PDB file of all heavy atoms in Angstrom:
ATOM      1  N   VAL A   1      50.556  96.466 -16.250  1.00  0.00           N
ATOM      2  CA  VAL A   1      49.703  96.332 -15.084  1.00  0.00           C
ATOM      3  C   VAL A   1      50.389  95.576 -14.042  1.00  0.00           C
ATOM      4  O   VAL A   1      50.966  94.475 -14.332  1.00  0.00           O
ATOM      5  CB  VAL A   1      48.404  95.615 -15.485  1.00  0.00           C
ATOM      6  CG1 VAL A   1      47.481  95.295 -14.299  1.00  0.00           C
ATOM      7  CG2 VAL A   1      47.599  96.355 -16.550  1.00  0.00           C
ATOM      8  N   GLY A   2      50.387  96.151 -12.829  1.00  0.00           N
ATOM      9  CA  GLY A   2      51.116  95.555 -11.700  1.00  0.00           C
ATOM     10  C   GLY A   2      52.435  96.162 -11.426  1.00  0.00           C
ATOM     11  O   GLY A   2      53.026  96.020 -10.307  1.00  0.00           O
ATOM     12  N   LYS A   3      52.885  97.021 -12.254  1.00  0.00           N
ATOM     13  CA  LYS A   3      54.192  97.686 -12.109  1.00  0.00           C
ATOM     14  C   LYS A   3      53.930  98.865 -11.074  1.00  0.00           C
ATOM     15  O   LYS A   3      52.872  99.387 -10.892  1.00  0.00           O
ATOM     16  CB  LYS A   3      54.747  98.190 -13.391  1.00  0.00           C
ATOM     17  CG  LYS A   3      55.288  97.042 -14.323  1.00  0.00           C
ATOM     18  CD  LYS A   3      55.979  97.580 -15.554  1.00  0.00           C
ATOM     19  CE  LYS A   3      56.509  96.401 -16.316  1.00  0.00           C
ATOM     20  NZ  LYS A   3      57.733  95.794 -15.757  1.00  0.00           N
ATOM     21  N   ILE A   4      55.105  99.296 -10.538  1.00  0.00           N
ATOM     22  CA  ILE A   4      55.118 100.348  -9.416  1.00  0.00           C
ATOM     23  C   ILE A   4      55.560 101.609 -10.009  1.00  0.00           C
ATOM     24  O   ILE A   4      56.651 101.741 -10.681  1.00  0.00           O
ATOM     25  CB  ILE A   4      55.930  99.859  -8.221  1.00  0.00           C
ATOM     26  CG1 ILE A   4      55.465  98.535  -7.737  1.00  0.00           C
ATOM     27  CG2 ILE A   4      55.830 100.915  -7.151  1.00  0.00           C
ATOM     28  CD1 ILE A   4      54.056  98.490  -7.266  1.00  0.00           C
ATOM     29  N   LYS A   5      54.865 102.703  -9.728  1.00  0.00           N
ATOM     30  CA  LYS A   5      55.302 104.005 -10.312  1.00  0.00           C
ATOM     31  C   LYS A   5      56.343 104.527  -9.367  1.00  0.00           C
ATOM     32  O   LYS A   5      56.531 104.161  -8.240  1.00  0.00           O
ATOM     33  CB  LYS A   5      54.059 104.873 -10.271  1.00  0.00           C
ATOM     34  CG  LYS A   5      52.977 104.503 -11.375  1.00  0.00           C
ATOM     35  CD  LYS A   5      51.972 105.559 -11.459  1.00  0.00           C
ATOM     36  CE  LYS A   5      50.866 105.528 -10.309  1.00  0.00           C
ATOM     37  NZ  LYS A   5      49.717 106.449 -10.577  1.00  0.00           N
ATOM     38  N   PRO A   6      57.015 105.634  -9.823  1.00  0.00           N
ATOM     39  CA  PRO A   6      58.129 106.212  -8.998  1.00  0.00           C
ATOM     40  C   PRO A   6      57.595 106.775  -7.629  1.00  0.00           C
ATOM     41  O   PRO A   6      58.375 106.730  -6.663  1.00  0.00           O
ATOM     42  CB  PRO A   6      58.529 107.394  -9.774  1.00  0.00           C
ATOM     43  CG  PRO A   6      58.316 106.996 -11.260  1.00  0.00           C
ATOM     44  CD  PRO A   6      57.079 106.181 -11.140  1.00  0.00           C
ATOM     45  N   ASP A   7      56.350 107.115  -7.540  1.00  0.00           N
ATOM     46  CA  ASP A   7      55.762 107.561  -6.205  1.00  0.00           C
ATOM     47  C   ASP A   7      55.414 106.328  -5.299  1.00  0.00           C
ATOM     48  O   ASP A   7      54.867 106.645  -4.204  1.00  0.00           O
ATOM     49  CB  ASP A   7      54.558 108.453  -6.363  1.00  0.00           C
ATOM     50  CG  ASP A   7      53.350 107.809  -6.985  1.00  0.00           C
ATOM     51  OD1 ASP A   7      53.407 106.635  -7.283  1.00  0.00           O
ATOM     52  OD2 ASP A   7      52.413 108.430  -7.294  1.00  0.00           O
ATOM     53  N   GLY A   8      55.585 105.176  -5.741  1.00  0.00           N
ATOM     54  CA  GLY A   8      55.289 104.039  -4.955  1.00  0.00           C
ATOM     55  C   GLY A   8      53.912 103.352  -5.164  1.00  0.00           C
ATOM     56  O   GLY A   8      53.569 102.212  -4.689  1.00  0.00           O
ATOM     57  N   SER A   9      53.018 104.081  -5.885  1.00  0.00           N
ATOM     58  CA  SER A   9      51.656 103.535  -6.175  1.00  0.00           C
ATOM     59  C   SER A   9      51.753 102.508  -7.335  1.00  0.00           C
ATOM     60  O   SER A   9      52.710 102.438  -8.065  1.00  0.00           O
ATOM     61  CB  SER A   9      50.757 104.690  -6.485  1.00  0.00           C
ATOM     62  OG  SER A   9      51.143 105.361  -7.676  1.00  0.00           O
ATOM     63  N   LYS A  10      50.712 101.692  -7.457  1.00  0.00           N
ATOM     64  CA  LYS A  10      50.680 100.598  -8.268  1.00  0.00           C
ATOM     65  C   LYS A  10      49.856 100.882  -9.544  1.00  0.00           C
ATOM     66  O   LYS A  10      48.710 101.492  -9.417  1.00  0.00           O
ATOM     67  CB  LYS A  10      50.188  99.334  -7.540  1.00  0.00           C
ATOM     68  CG  LYS A  10      50.319  97.989  -8.359  1.00  0.00           C
ATOM     69  CD  LYS A  10      49.892  96.851  -7.476  1.00  0.00           C
ATOM     70  CE  LYS A  10      49.961  95.494  -8.151  1.00  0.00           C
ATOM     71  NZ  LYS A  10      49.513  94.435  -7.285  1.00  0.00           N
ATOM     72  N   ILE A  11      50.236 100.373 -10.670  1.00  0.00           N
ATOM     73  CA  ILE A  11      49.411 100.451 -11.877  1.00  0.00           C
ATOM     74  C   ILE A  11      48.400  99.194 -11.778  1.00  0.00           C
ATOM     75  O   ILE A  11      48.816  98.085 -11.962  1.00  0.00           O
ATOM     76  CB  ILE A  11      50.237 100.224 -13.235  1.00  0.00           C
ATOM     77  CG1 ILE A  11      51.284 101.385 -13.327  1.00  0.00           C
ATOM     78  CG2 ILE A  11      49.336 100.213 -14.362  1.00  0.00           C
ATOM     79  CD1 ILE A  11      50.701 102.681 -13.664  1.00  0.00           C
ATOM     80  N   GLU A  12      47.216  99.537 -11.505  1.00  0.00           N
ATOM     81  CA  GLU A  12      46.179  98.526 -11.286  1.00  0.00           C
ATOM     82  C   GLU A  12      45.461  98.009 -12.591  1.00  0.00           C
ATOM     83  O   GLU A  12      45.010  96.888 -12.581  1.00  0.00           O
ATOM     84  CB  GLU A  12      45.159  99.008 -10.201  1.00  0.00           C
ATOM     85  CG  GLU A  12      45.609  99.379  -8.911  1.00  0.00           C
ATOM     86  CD  GLU A  12      46.009  98.193  -8.002  1.00  0.00           C
ATOM     87  OE1 GLU A  12      45.708  97.022  -8.416  1.00  0.00           O
ATOM     88  OE2 GLU A  12      46.535  98.432  -6.860  1.00  0.00           O
ATOM     89  N   LYS A  13      45.457  98.962 -13.471  1.00  0.00           N
ATOM     90  CA  LYS A  13      44.810  98.663 -14.780  1.00  0.00           C
ATOM     91  C   LYS A  13      45.348  99.545 -15.850  1.00  0.00           C
ATOM     92  O   LYS A  13      46.082 100.478 -15.553  1.00  0.00           O
ATOM     93  CB  LYS A  13      43.301  98.842 -14.624  1.00  0.00           C
ATOM     94  CG  LYS A  13      42.854 100.101 -14.110  1.00  0.00           C
ATOM     95  CD  LYS A  13      41.423 100.194 -13.833  1.00  0.00           C
ATOM     96  CE  LYS A  13      41.020 101.571 -13.235  1.00  0.00           C
ATOM     97  NZ  LYS A  13      39.582 101.644 -12.860  1.00  0.00           N
ATOM     98  N   VAL A  14      45.094  99.250 -17.097  1.00  0.00           N
ATOM     99  CA  VAL A  14      45.608 100.042 -18.235  1.00  0.00           C
ATOM    100  C   VAL A  14      45.268 101.449 -18.032  1.00  0.00           C
ATOM    101  O   VAL A  14      45.950 102.332 -18.479  1.00  0.00           O
ATOM    102  CB  VAL A  14      45.313  99.479 -19.526  1.00  0.00           C
ATOM    103  CG1 VAL A  14      45.592 100.413 -20.747  1.00  0.00           C
ATOM    104  CG2 VAL A  14      45.985  98.055 -19.835  1.00  0.00           C
ATOM    105  N   ALA A  15      44.074 101.738 -17.537  1.00  0.00           N
ATOM    106  CA  ALA A  15      43.633 103.138 -17.440  1.00  0.00           C
ATOM    107  C   ALA A  15      44.625 103.861 -16.552  1.00  0.00           C
ATOM    108  O   ALA A  15      44.914 105.099 -16.756  1.00  0.00           O
ATOM    109  CB  ALA A  15      42.255 103.168 -16.778  1.00  0.00           C
ATOM    110  N   ASP A  16      45.274 103.203 -15.472  1.00  0.00           N
ATOM    111  CA  ASP A  16      46.216 103.831 -14.713  1.00  0.00           C
ATOM    112  C   ASP A  16      47.530 104.172 -15.435  1.00  0.00           C
ATOM    113  O   ASP A  16      48.183 105.194 -15.223  1.00  0.00           O
ATOM    114  CB  ASP A  16      46.578 102.981 -13.480  1.00  0.00           C
ATOM    115  CG  ASP A  16      45.348 102.781 -12.542  1.00  0.00           C
ATOM    116  OD1 ASP A  16      44.468 103.522 -12.565  1.00  0.00           O
ATOM    117  OD2 ASP A  16      45.370 101.706 -11.851  1.00  0.00           O
ATOM    118  N   TYR A  17      47.860 103.256 -16.366  1.00  0.00           N
ATOM    119  CA  TYR A  17      49.048 103.477 -17.213  1.00  0.00           C
ATOM    120  C   TYR A  17      48.844 104.576 -18.184  1.00  0.00           C
ATOM    121  O   TYR A  17      49.765 105.381 -18.335  1.00  0.00           O
ATOM    122  CB  TYR A  17      49.325 102.100 -17.948  1.00  0.00           C
ATOM    123  CG  TYR A  17      50.538 102.219 -18.878  1.00  0.00           C
ATOM    124  CD1 TYR A  17      51.743 102.474 -18.465  1.00  0.00           C
ATOM    125  CD2 TYR A  17      50.366 101.806 -20.220  1.00  0.00           C
ATOM    126  CE1 TYR A  17      52.826 102.560 -19.264  1.00  0.00           C
ATOM    127  CE2 TYR A  17      51.434 101.834 -21.066  1.00  0.00           C
ATOM    128  CZ  TYR A  17      52.686 102.184 -20.660  1.00  0.00           C
ATOM    129  OH  TYR A  17      53.723 102.247 -21.517  1.00  0.00           O
ATOM    130  N   VAL A  18      47.614 104.722 -18.682  1.00  0.00           N
ATOM    131  CA  VAL A  18      47.314 105.769 -19.655  1.00  0.00           C
ATOM    132  C   VAL A  18      47.347 107.056 -18.889  1.00  0.00           C
ATOM    133  O   VAL A  18      47.958 108.124 -19.387  1.00  0.00           O
ATOM    134  CB  VAL A  18      45.983 105.560 -20.235  1.00  0.00           C
ATOM    135  CG1 VAL A  18      45.540 106.787 -20.961  1.00  0.00           C
ATOM    136  CG2 VAL A  18      46.059 104.338 -21.126  1.00  0.00           C
ATOM    137  N   MET A  19      46.887 107.079 -17.577  1.00  0.00           N
ATOM    138  CA  MET A  19      46.820 108.412 -16.884  1.00  0.00           C
ATOM    139  C   MET A  19      48.322 108.739 -16.428  1.00  0.00           C
ATOM    140  O   MET A  19      48.751 109.916 -16.356  1.00  0.00           O
ATOM    141  CB  MET A  19      46.016 108.285 -15.681  1.00  0.00           C
ATOM    142  CG  MET A  19      45.711 109.566 -14.856  1.00  0.00           C
ATOM    143  SD  MET A  19      45.190 110.938 -15.918  1.00  0.00           S
ATOM    144  CE  MET A  19      43.572 110.201 -16.439  1.00  0.00           C
ATOM    145  N   TYR A  20      49.108 107.753 -16.127  1.00  0.00           N
ATOM    146  CA  TYR A  20      50.558 107.972 -15.734  1.00  0.00           C
ATOM    147  C   TYR A  20      51.274 108.533 -16.948  1.00  0.00           C
ATOM    148  O   TYR A  20      52.140 109.545 -16.720  1.00  0.00           O
ATOM    149  CB  TYR A  20      51.125 106.585 -15.335  1.00  0.00           C
ATOM    150  CG  TYR A  20      52.621 106.646 -15.199  1.00  0.00           C
ATOM    151  CD1 TYR A  20      53.281 107.254 -14.099  1.00  0.00           C
ATOM    152  CD2 TYR A  20      53.434 106.003 -16.172  1.00  0.00           C
ATOM    153  CE1 TYR A  20      54.702 107.284 -13.989  1.00  0.00           C
ATOM    154  CE2 TYR A  20      54.843 106.028 -16.062  1.00  0.00           C
ATOM    155  CZ  TYR A  20      55.480 106.645 -14.983  1.00  0.00           C
ATOM    156  OH  TYR A  20      56.837 106.681 -14.872  1.00  0.00           O
ATOM    157  N   ILE A  21      51.017 108.093 -18.140  1.00  0.00           N
ATOM    158  CA  ILE A  21      51.695 108.607 -19.296  1.00  0.00           C
ATOM    159  C   ILE A  21      51.297 110.058 -19.437  1.00  0.00           C
ATOM    160  O   ILE A  21      52.124 110.900 -19.789  1.00  0.00           O
ATOM    161  CB  ILE A  21      51.316 107.698 -20.535  1.00  0.00           C
ATOM    162  CG1 ILE A  21      52.020 106.428 -20.504  1.00  0.00           C
ATOM    163  CG2 ILE A  21      51.672 108.516 -21.882  1.00  0.00           C
ATOM    164  CD1 ILE A  21      51.619 105.454 -21.566  1.00  0.00           C
ATOM    165  N   LEU A  22      49.988 110.364 -19.237  1.00  0.00           N
ATOM    166  CA  LEU A  22      49.683 111.832 -19.416  1.00  0.00           C
ATOM    167  C   LEU A  22      50.285 112.650 -18.314  1.00  0.00           C
ATOM    168  O   LEU A  22      50.855 113.708 -18.638  1.00  0.00           O
ATOM    169  CB  LEU A  22      48.089 111.872 -19.204  1.00  0.00           C
ATOM    170  CG  LEU A  22      47.469 113.349 -19.274  1.00  0.00           C
ATOM    171  CD1 LEU A  22      47.760 113.941 -20.615  1.00  0.00           C
ATOM    172  CD2 LEU A  22      46.011 113.267 -18.936  1.00  0.00           C
ATOM    173  N   GLU A  23      50.304 112.202 -17.043  1.00  0.00           N
ATOM    174  CA  GLU A  23      50.877 112.966 -16.027  1.00  0.00           C
ATOM    175  C   GLU A  23      52.461 113.051 -15.994  1.00  0.00           C
ATOM    176  O   GLU A  23      52.997 114.084 -15.640  1.00  0.00           O
ATOM    177  CB  GLU A  23      50.352 112.446 -14.640  1.00  0.00           C
ATOM    178  CG  GLU A  23      48.841 112.701 -14.508  1.00  0.00           C
ATOM    179  CD  GLU A  23      48.348 111.978 -13.296  1.00  0.00           C
ATOM    180  OE1 GLU A  23      49.065 111.118 -12.671  1.00  0.00           O
ATOM    181  OE2 GLU A  23      47.144 112.198 -12.919  1.00  0.00           O
ATOM    182  N   GLU A  24      53.048 111.938 -16.386  1.00  0.00           N
ATOM    183  CA  GLU A  24      54.421 111.858 -16.266  1.00  0.00           C
ATOM    184  C   GLU A  24      55.200 112.319 -17.583  1.00  0.00           C
ATOM    185  O   GLU A  24      56.151 112.965 -17.591  1.00  0.00           O
ATOM    186  CB  GLU A  24      54.930 110.408 -16.021  1.00  0.00           C
ATOM    187  CG  GLU A  24      56.395 110.212 -15.844  1.00  0.00           C
ATOM    188  CD  GLU A  24      57.021 110.794 -14.651  1.00  0.00           C
ATOM    189  OE1 GLU A  24      56.360 111.146 -13.682  1.00  0.00           O
ATOM    190  OE2 GLU A  24      58.344 111.066 -14.679  1.00  0.00           O
ATOM    191  N   ALA A  25      54.588 111.788 -18.743  1.00  0.00           N
ATOM    192  CA  ALA A  25      55.209 112.063 -20.083  1.00  0.00           C
ATOM    193  C   ALA A  25      54.535 113.235 -20.809  1.00  0.00           C
ATOM    194  O   ALA A  25      54.976 113.634 -21.862  1.00  0.00           O
ATOM    195  CB  ALA A  25      55.180 110.777 -20.863  1.00  0.00           C
ATOM    196  N   HIS A  26      53.353 113.636 -20.291  1.00  0.00           N
ATOM    197  CA  HIS A  26      52.451 114.693 -20.947  1.00  0.00           C
ATOM    198  C   HIS A  26      52.138 114.242 -22.397  1.00  0.00           C
ATOM    199  O   HIS A  26      52.282 115.133 -23.257  1.00  0.00           O
ATOM    200  CB  HIS A  26      53.204 115.983 -20.816  1.00  0.00           C
ATOM    201  CG  HIS A  26      53.522 116.445 -19.578  1.00  0.00           C
ATOM    202  ND1 HIS A  26      54.600 117.203 -19.137  1.00  0.00           N
ATOM    203  CD2 HIS A  26      52.843 116.168 -18.353  1.00  0.00           C
ATOM    204  CE1 HIS A  26      54.631 117.499 -17.844  1.00  0.00           C
ATOM    205  NE2 HIS A  26      53.582 116.886 -17.404  1.00  0.00           N
TER     206      HIS A  26
END
């Protein structure tokens, strides 16, 4: 939480990290 994604947006909560894993890592 708090880290920055490659597109410049921020991981605001774990739900964002989970969605990032789905979209980036499938």
